[in-house]
Amino acid sequence: MKKKIAVLASGNGTNFAAIVSALKKKKISRAEVSLLITDKKNAFVRTRAQKYGIPDVFVDREAYSGRENFDRKLIRIIKAEKIDLIVLAGYMRILSPCFVRAFKNKVINIHPALLPSFKGTDAIGRAFRYGAKVTGVTVHFLDEKVDHGPIIAQKALCIKDDESLASVESRIHRIEHKIYPEVIENILSGKLKIKGRNVKVCT
């Protein structure tokens, strides 16, 4: 039986597309993206989902009083679909503790910096403007703090002399599109061993 993935996204959906592509190429085995959930009605990621024939659900955050009530709606949707793994792909809302507790070690996020450096928004731009010589990408499990959960994988990128921000962003995105499917495959194939903050890939 195929494992079921739900993707939460708010924007363009390039990581969503990379995951679907990896599934088609069998780089992620025995799995499917069963559901896209977005909090933005006009997000382009919804167009991508429709193109791929993947069910997408728009949940209007304005219809719920408070973040927790909104997240409880997401919890009900995801549990009804019997989802095995929740993947955040440019989801621009901070998920509440009730959501994290409902899906412990079943929610992963990708961050365009080497955590714990440059947490939060505009991580690529802040690293670039700070003058960092090395930045990169981090995939981690979600916990109750922002960009804090146990790190699953990281990939470094050296910023070249006289390189533009646009170039750095492009190279970061290429890393994201490669590393995220690899992590998803390792999780769904049962290769990860988690002990506290220590995450190992067991072959």
C-alpha atoms as a PDB file:
ATOM      1  CA  MET A   1       0.000   0.000   0.000  1.00  0.00           C
ATOM      2  CA  LYS A   2       1.283   3.459  -0.883  1.00  0.00           C
ATOM      3  CA  LYS A   3       2.164   5.889   1.904  1.00  0.00           C
ATOM      4  CA  LYS A   4       0.108   9.079   1.799  1.00  0.00           C
ATOM      5  CA  ILE A   5       1.707  12.538   1.800  1.00  0.00           C
ATOM      6  CA  ALA A   6      -0.082  15.812   2.510  1.00  0.00           C
ATOM      7  CA  VAL A   7       1.619  19.034   1.418  1.00  0.00           C
ATOM      8  CA  LEU A   8       0.900  22.390   3.073  1.00  0.00           C
ATOM      9  CA  ALA A   9       1.837  25.357   0.887  1.00  0.00           C
ATOM     10  CA  SER A  10       0.996  29.034   0.478  1.00  0.00           C
ATOM     11  CA  GLY A  11       2.732  30.208  -2.668  1.00  0.00           C
ATOM     12  CA  ASN A  12       4.224  29.225  -6.000  1.00  0.00           C
ATOM     13  CA  GLY A  13       4.804  25.587  -5.137  1.00  0.00           C
ATOM     14  CA  THR A  14       8.195  24.784  -6.659  1.00  0.00           C
ATOM     15  CA  ASN A  15       9.027  22.340  -3.868  1.00  0.00           C
ATOM     16  CA  PHE A  16       5.583  20.804  -4.296  1.00  0.00           C
ATOM     17  CA  ALA A  17       6.358  20.320  -7.991  1.00  0.00           C
ATOM     18  CA  ALA A  18       9.775  18.828  -7.174  1.00  0.00           C
ATOM     19  CA  ILE A  19       8.166  16.288  -4.848  1.00  0.00           C
ATOM     20  CA  VAL A  20       5.592  15.265  -7.463  1.00  0.00           C
ATOM     21  CA  SER A  21       8.356  14.963 -10.063  1.00  0.00           C
ATOM     22  CA  ALA A  22      10.416  12.767  -7.729  1.00  0.00           C
ATOM     23  CA  LEU A  23       7.407  10.507  -7.212  1.00  0.00           C
ATOM     24  CA  LYS A  24       6.908  10.144 -10.964  1.00  0.00           C
ATOM     25  CA  LYS A  25      10.587   9.285 -11.404  1.00  0.00           C
ATOM     26  CA  LYS A  26      10.379   6.714  -8.556  1.00  0.00           C
ATOM     27  CA  LYS A  27      12.911   8.640  -6.481  1.00  0.00           C
ATOM     28  CA  ILE A  28      10.287   8.432  -3.763  1.00  0.00           C
ATOM     29  CA  SER A  29       8.937   4.902  -3.744  1.00  0.00           C
ATOM     30  CA  ARG A  30       5.621   3.459  -2.626  1.00  0.00           C
ATOM     31  CA  ALA A  31       4.071   6.864  -1.928  1.00  0.00           C
ATOM     32  CA  GLU A  32       1.734   9.484  -3.356  1.00  0.00           C
ATOM     33  CA  VAL A  33       0.797  13.080  -2.696  1.00  0.00           C
ATOM     34  CA  SER A  34      -2.803  12.564  -1.610  1.00  0.00           C
ATOM     35  CA  LEU A  35      -3.643  16.118  -0.644  1.00  0.00           C
ATOM     36  CA  LEU A  36      -2.591  19.746  -0.933  1.00  0.00           C
ATOM     37  CA  ILE A  37      -3.789  22.180   1.715  1.00  0.00           C
ATOM     38  CA  THR A  38      -3.346  25.910   1.270  1.00  0.00           C
ATOM     39  CA  ASP A  39      -4.396  28.986   3.213  1.00  0.00           C
ATOM     40  CA  LYS A  40      -4.337  31.257   0.148  1.00  0.00           C
ATOM     41  CA  LYS A  41      -7.153  30.962  -2.371  1.00  0.00           C
ATOM     42  CA  ASN A  42      -5.146  32.238  -5.346  1.00  0.00           C
ATOM     43  CA  ALA A  43      -1.842  30.518  -4.584  1.00  0.00           C
ATOM     44  CA  PHE A  44      -0.271  29.201  -7.797  1.00  0.00           C
ATOM     45  CA  VAL A  45       0.459  25.897  -6.075  1.00  0.00           C
ATOM     46  CA  ARG A  46      -3.266  25.150  -6.440  1.00  0.00           C
ATOM     47  CA  THR A  47      -2.938  25.412 -10.216  1.00  0.00           C
ATOM     48  CA  ARG A  48      -0.049  22.946 -10.053  1.00  0.00           C
ATOM     49  CA  ALA A  49      -2.153  20.514  -7.997  1.00  0.00           C
ATOM     50  CA  GLN A  50      -5.009  20.700 -10.486  1.00  0.00           C
ATOM     51  CA  LYS A  51      -2.570  20.017 -13.343  1.00  0.00           C
ATOM     52  CA  TYR A  52      -1.295  16.903 -11.541  1.00  0.00           C
ATOM     53  CA  GLY A  53      -4.791  15.750 -10.569  1.00  0.00           C
ATOM     54  CA  ILE A  54      -4.045  16.076  -6.859  1.00  0.00           C
ATOM     55  CA  PRO A  55      -6.950  17.076  -4.584  1.00  0.00           C
ATOM     56  CA  ASP A  56      -6.435  20.502  -3.081  1.00  0.00           C
ATOM     57  CA  VAL A  57      -8.238  22.091  -0.163  1.00  0.00           C
ATOM     58  CA  PHE A  58      -8.351  25.810   0.536  1.00  0.00           C
ATOM     59  CA  VAL A  59      -8.982  26.646   4.188  1.00  0.00           C
ATOM     60  CA  ASP A  60      -9.829  30.305   4.725  1.00  0.00           C
ATOM     61  CA  ARG A  61      -7.968  31.539   7.792  1.00  0.00           C
ATOM     62  CA  GLU A  62     -10.375  34.473   8.096  1.00  0.00           C
ATOM     63  CA  ALA A  63     -13.206  32.043   8.840  1.00  0.00           C
ATOM     64  CA  TYR A  64     -11.613  30.952  12.131  1.00  0.00           C
ATOM     65  CA  SER A  65     -11.080  32.877  15.335  1.00  0.00           C
ATOM     66  CA  GLY A  66      -7.492  32.315  16.340  1.00  0.00           C
ATOM     67  CA  ARG A  67      -4.642  30.206  15.060  1.00  0.00           C
ATOM     68  CA  GLU A  68      -5.540  27.136  17.117  1.00  0.00           C
ATOM     69  CA  ASN A  69      -9.098  26.894  15.772  1.00  0.00           C
ATOM     70  CA  PHE A  70      -7.741  27.165  12.231  1.00  0.00           C
ATOM     71  CA  ASP A  71      -5.174  24.446  12.912  1.00  0.00           C
ATOM     72  CA  ARG A  72      -7.784  22.152  14.444  1.00  0.00           C
ATOM     73  CA  LYS A  73      -9.611  22.282  11.122  1.00  0.00           C
ATOM     74  CA  LEU A  74      -6.404  21.210   9.369  1.00  0.00           C
ATOM     75  CA  ILE A  75      -5.979  18.388  11.871  1.00  0.00           C
ATOM     76  CA  ARG A  76      -9.466  17.071  11.106  1.00  0.00           C
ATOM     77  CA  ILE A  77      -8.842  17.165   7.343  1.00  0.00           C
ATOM     78  CA  ILE A  78      -5.479  15.397   7.601  1.00  0.00           C
ATOM     79  CA  LYS A  79      -6.687  12.710  10.013  1.00  0.00           C
ATOM     80  CA  ALA A  80      -9.697  11.981   7.820  1.00  0.00           C
ATOM     81  CA  GLU A  81      -7.323  11.249   4.928  1.00  0.00           C
ATOM     82  CA  LYS A  82      -5.106   8.956   7.080  1.00  0.00           C
ATOM     83  CA  ILE A  83      -1.963  10.829   6.032  1.00  0.00           C
ATOM     84  CA  ASP A  84       1.431   9.272   6.818  1.00  0.00           C
ATOM     85  CA  LEU A  85       3.647  12.352   6.366  1.00  0.00           C
ATOM     86  CA  ILE A  86       2.960  16.094   6.333  1.00  0.00           C
ATOM     87  CA  VAL A  87       5.354  18.191   4.252  1.00  0.00           C
ATOM     88  CA  LEU A  88       5.557  21.969   4.600  1.00  0.00           C
ATOM     89  CA  ALA A  89       6.526  23.520   1.269  1.00  0.00           C
ATOM     90  CA  GLY A  90       6.466  27.280   1.523  1.00  0.00           C
ATOM     91  CA  TYR A  91       3.647  27.270   4.059  1.00  0.00           C
ATOM     92  CA  MET A  92       3.665  30.785   5.479  1.00  0.00           C
ATOM     93  CA  ARG A  93       1.868  30.223   8.760  1.00  0.00           C
ATOM     94  CA  ILE A  94       3.333  29.184  12.107  1.00  0.00           C
ATOM     95  CA  LEU A  95       1.571  26.009  13.181  1.00  0.00           C
ATOM     96  CA  SER A  96       0.264  25.909  16.736  1.00  0.00           C
ATOM     97  CA  PRO A  97       1.394  23.451  19.446  1.00  0.00           C
ATOM     98  CA  CYS A  98      -1.856  21.498  19.112  1.00  0.00           C
ATOM     99  CA  PHE A  99      -0.992  20.705  15.488  1.00  0.00           C
ATOM    100  CA  VAL A 100       2.561  19.658  16.345  1.00  0.00           C
ATOM    101  CA  ARG A 101       1.350  17.387  19.156  1.00  0.00           C
ATOM    102  CA  ALA A 102      -1.262  15.790  16.904  1.00  0.00           C
ATOM    103  CA  PHE A 103       1.414  14.678  14.409  1.00  0.00           C
ATOM    104  CA  LYS A 104       4.618  14.185  16.393  1.00  0.00           C
ATOM    105  CA  ASN A 105       7.558  13.350  14.098  1.00  0.00           C
ATOM    106  CA  LYS A 106       5.213  13.329  11.110  1.00  0.00           C
ATOM    107  CA  VAL A 107       5.675  16.955  10.005  1.00  0.00           C
ATOM    108  CA  ILE A 108       8.776  18.156   8.164  1.00  0.00           C
ATOM    109  CA  ASN A 109       9.851  21.594   7.003  1.00  0.00           C
ATOM    110  CA  ILE A 110      12.552  22.920   4.683  1.00  0.00           C
ATOM    111  CA  HIS A 111      14.440  26.108   5.515  1.00  0.00           C
ATOM    112  CA  PRO A 112      16.772  27.984   3.120  1.00  0.00           C
ATOM    113  CA  ALA A 113      19.667  28.406   5.562  1.00  0.00           C
ATOM    114  CA  LEU A 114      21.860  26.272   7.786  1.00  0.00           C
ATOM    115  CA  LEU A 115      19.899  26.231  11.029  1.00  0.00           C
ATOM    116  CA  PRO A 116      20.219  27.422  13.715  1.00  0.00           C
ATOM    117  CA  SER A 117      21.483  30.419  11.699  1.00  0.00           C
ATOM    118  CA  PHE A 118      19.039  32.801  10.006  1.00  0.00           C
ATOM    119  CA  LYS A 119      15.798  31.461  11.392  1.00  0.00           C
ATOM    120  CA  GLY A 120      12.530  32.948  10.174  1.00  0.00           C
ATOM    121  CA  THR A 121      11.597  34.733   6.970  1.00  0.00           C
ATOM    122  CA  ASP A 122      13.895  36.027   4.189  1.00  0.00           C
ATOM    123  CA  ALA A 123      16.679  33.684   5.303  1.00  0.00           C
ATOM    124  CA  ILE A 124      18.483  33.776   1.956  1.00  0.00           C
ATOM    125  CA  GLY A 125      18.433  37.569   1.771  1.00  0.00           C
ATOM    126  CA  ARG A 126      19.538  38.011   5.378  1.00  0.00           C
ATOM    127  CA  ALA A 127      22.449  35.592   4.978  1.00  0.00           C
ATOM    128  CA  PHE A 128      23.486  37.358   1.765  1.00  0.00           C
ATOM    129  CA  ARG A 129      23.314  40.856   3.252  1.00  0.00           C
ATOM    130  CA  TYR A 130      25.115  39.715   6.402  1.00  0.00           C
ATOM    131  CA  GLY A 131      28.056  38.708   4.269  1.00  0.00           C
ATOM    132  CA  ALA A 132      27.904  35.002   5.087  1.00  0.00           C
ATOM    133  CA  LYS A 133      30.411  32.979   3.085  1.00  0.00           C
ATOM    134  CA  VAL A 134      28.487  29.730   3.548  1.00  0.00           C
ATOM    135  CA  THR A 135      24.756  29.196   3.702  1.00  0.00           C
ATOM    136  CA  GLY A 136      22.574  26.286   2.609  1.00  0.00           C
ATOM    137  CA  VAL A 137      19.421  24.286   3.213  1.00  0.00           C
ATOM    138  CA  THR A 138      18.055  22.473   6.259  1.00  0.00           C
ATOM    139  CA  VAL A 139      15.287  19.894   6.481  1.00  0.00           C
ATOM    140  CA  HIS A 140      13.963  19.346   9.986  1.00  0.00           C
ATOM    141  CA  PHE A 141      11.086  17.899  11.944  1.00  0.00           C
ATOM    142  CA  LEU A 142       8.596  20.429  13.223  1.00  0.00           C
ATOM    143  CA  ASP A 143       8.394  21.156  16.925  1.00  0.00           C
ATOM    144  CA  GLU A 144       6.680  23.871  18.952  1.00  0.00           C
ATOM    145  CA  LYS A 145       9.363  26.500  18.269  1.00  0.00           C
ATOM    146  CA  VAL A 146      10.041  28.246  14.968  1.00  0.00           C
ATOM    147  CA  ASP A 147      12.777  26.599  12.837  1.00  0.00           C
ATOM    148  CA  HIS A 148      13.907  24.604  15.855  1.00  0.00           C
ATOM    149  CA  GLY A 149      12.977  20.924  15.476  1.00  0.00           C
ATOM    150  CA  PRO A 150      15.471  18.041  15.112  1.00  0.00           C
ATOM    151  CA  ILE A 151      17.581  18.407  11.976  1.00  0.00           C
ATOM    152  CA  ILE A 152      17.236  15.590   9.459  1.00  0.00           C
ATOM    153  CA  ALA A 153      19.554  16.804   6.695  1.00  0.00           C
ATOM    154  CA  GLN A 154      21.615  19.826   5.703  1.00  0.00           C
ATOM    155  CA  LYS A 155      23.447  20.845   2.550  1.00  0.00           C
ATOM    156  CA  ALA A 156      25.922  23.712   2.485  1.00  0.00           C
ATOM    157  CA  LEU A 157      26.405  26.252  -0.302  1.00  0.00           C
ATOM    158  CA  CYS A 158      29.399  28.577  -0.632  1.00  0.00           C
ATOM    159  CA  ILE A 159      28.489  32.112  -1.697  1.00  0.00           C
ATOM    160  CA  LYS A 160      30.810  33.149  -4.495  1.00  0.00           C
ATOM    161  CA  ASP A 161      32.615  36.467  -4.604  1.00  0.00           C
ATOM    162  CA  ASP A 162      30.551  39.082  -6.476  1.00  0.00           C
ATOM    163  CA  GLU A 163      27.597  36.664  -6.741  1.00  0.00           C
ATOM    164  CA  SER A 164      24.151  38.248  -6.908  1.00  0.00           C
ATOM    165  CA  LEU A 165      21.323  37.533  -4.507  1.00  0.00           C
ATOM    166  CA  ALA A 166      19.279  36.145  -7.410  1.00  0.00           C
ATOM    167  CA  SER A 167      22.042  33.660  -8.183  1.00  0.00           C
ATOM    168  CA  VAL A 168      22.233  32.511  -4.564  1.00  0.00           C
ATOM    169  CA  GLU A 169      18.454  32.106  -4.440  1.00  0.00           C
ATOM    170  CA  SER A 170      18.501  30.030  -7.629  1.00  0.00           C
ATOM    171  CA  ARG A 171      21.210  27.711  -6.317  1.00  0.00           C
ATOM    172  CA  ILE A 172      19.461  27.352  -2.945  1.00  0.00           C
ATOM    173  CA  HIS A 173      16.240  26.329  -4.680  1.00  0.00           C
ATOM    174  CA  ARG A 174      18.068  23.691  -6.726  1.00  0.00           C
ATOM    175  CA  ILE A 175      19.404  22.190  -3.509  1.00  0.00           C
ATOM    176  CA  GLU A 176      15.923  22.251  -1.968  1.00  0.00           C
ATOM    177  CA  HIS A 177      14.419  20.404  -4.917  1.00  0.00           C
ATOM    178  CA  LYS A 178      17.017  17.639  -4.555  1.00  0.00           C
ATOM    179  CA  ILE A 179      17.282  17.265  -0.789  1.00  0.00           C
ATOM    180  CA  TYR A 180      13.567  17.334   0.095  1.00  0.00           C
ATOM    181  CA  PRO A 181      12.597  14.252  -1.965  1.00  0.00           C
ATOM    182  CA  GLU A 182      15.640  12.406  -0.576  1.00  0.00           C
ATOM    183  CA  VAL A 183      14.515  13.082   2.989  1.00  0.00           C
ATOM    184  CA  ILE A 184      10.928  12.086   2.220  1.00  0.00           C
ATOM    185  CA  GLU A 185      12.132   8.779   0.773  1.00  0.00           C
ATOM    186  CA  ASN A 186      14.260   8.083   3.860  1.00  0.00           C
ATOM    187  CA  ILE A 187      11.354   8.802   6.201  1.00  0.00           C
ATOM    188  CA  LEU A 188       8.742   6.774   4.350  1.00  0.00           C
ATOM    189  CA  SER A 189      11.089   3.820   3.871  1.00  0.00           C
ATOM    190  CA  GLY A 190      11.732   3.706   7.632  1.00  0.00           C
ATOM    191  CA  LYS A 191      15.421   4.588   7.429  1.00  0.00           C
ATOM    192  CA  LEU A 192      15.421   7.307  10.098  1.00  0.00           C
ATOM    193  CA  LYS A 193      16.236   6.711  13.743  1.00  0.00           C
ATOM    194  CA  ILE A 194      15.269   9.566  16.075  1.00  0.00           C
ATOM    195  CA  LYS A 195      16.632   9.977  19.588  1.00  0.00           C
ATOM    196  CA  GLY A 196      15.982  13.407  21.080  1.00  0.00           C
ATOM    197  CA  ARG A 197      17.507  15.914  18.659  1.00  0.00           C
ATOM    198  CA  ASN A 198      19.708  13.269  17.060  1.00  0.00           C
ATOM    199  CA  VAL A 199      18.399  11.985  13.715  1.00  0.00           C
ATOM    200  CA  LYS A 200      20.324   9.264  11.889  1.00  0.00           C
ATOM    201  CA  VAL A 201      19.828   7.580   8.541  1.00  0.00           C
ATOM    202  CA  CYS A 202      20.137   3.821   8.974  1.00  0.00           C
ATOM    203  CA  THR A 203      21.029   1.872   5.838  1.00  0.00           C
END
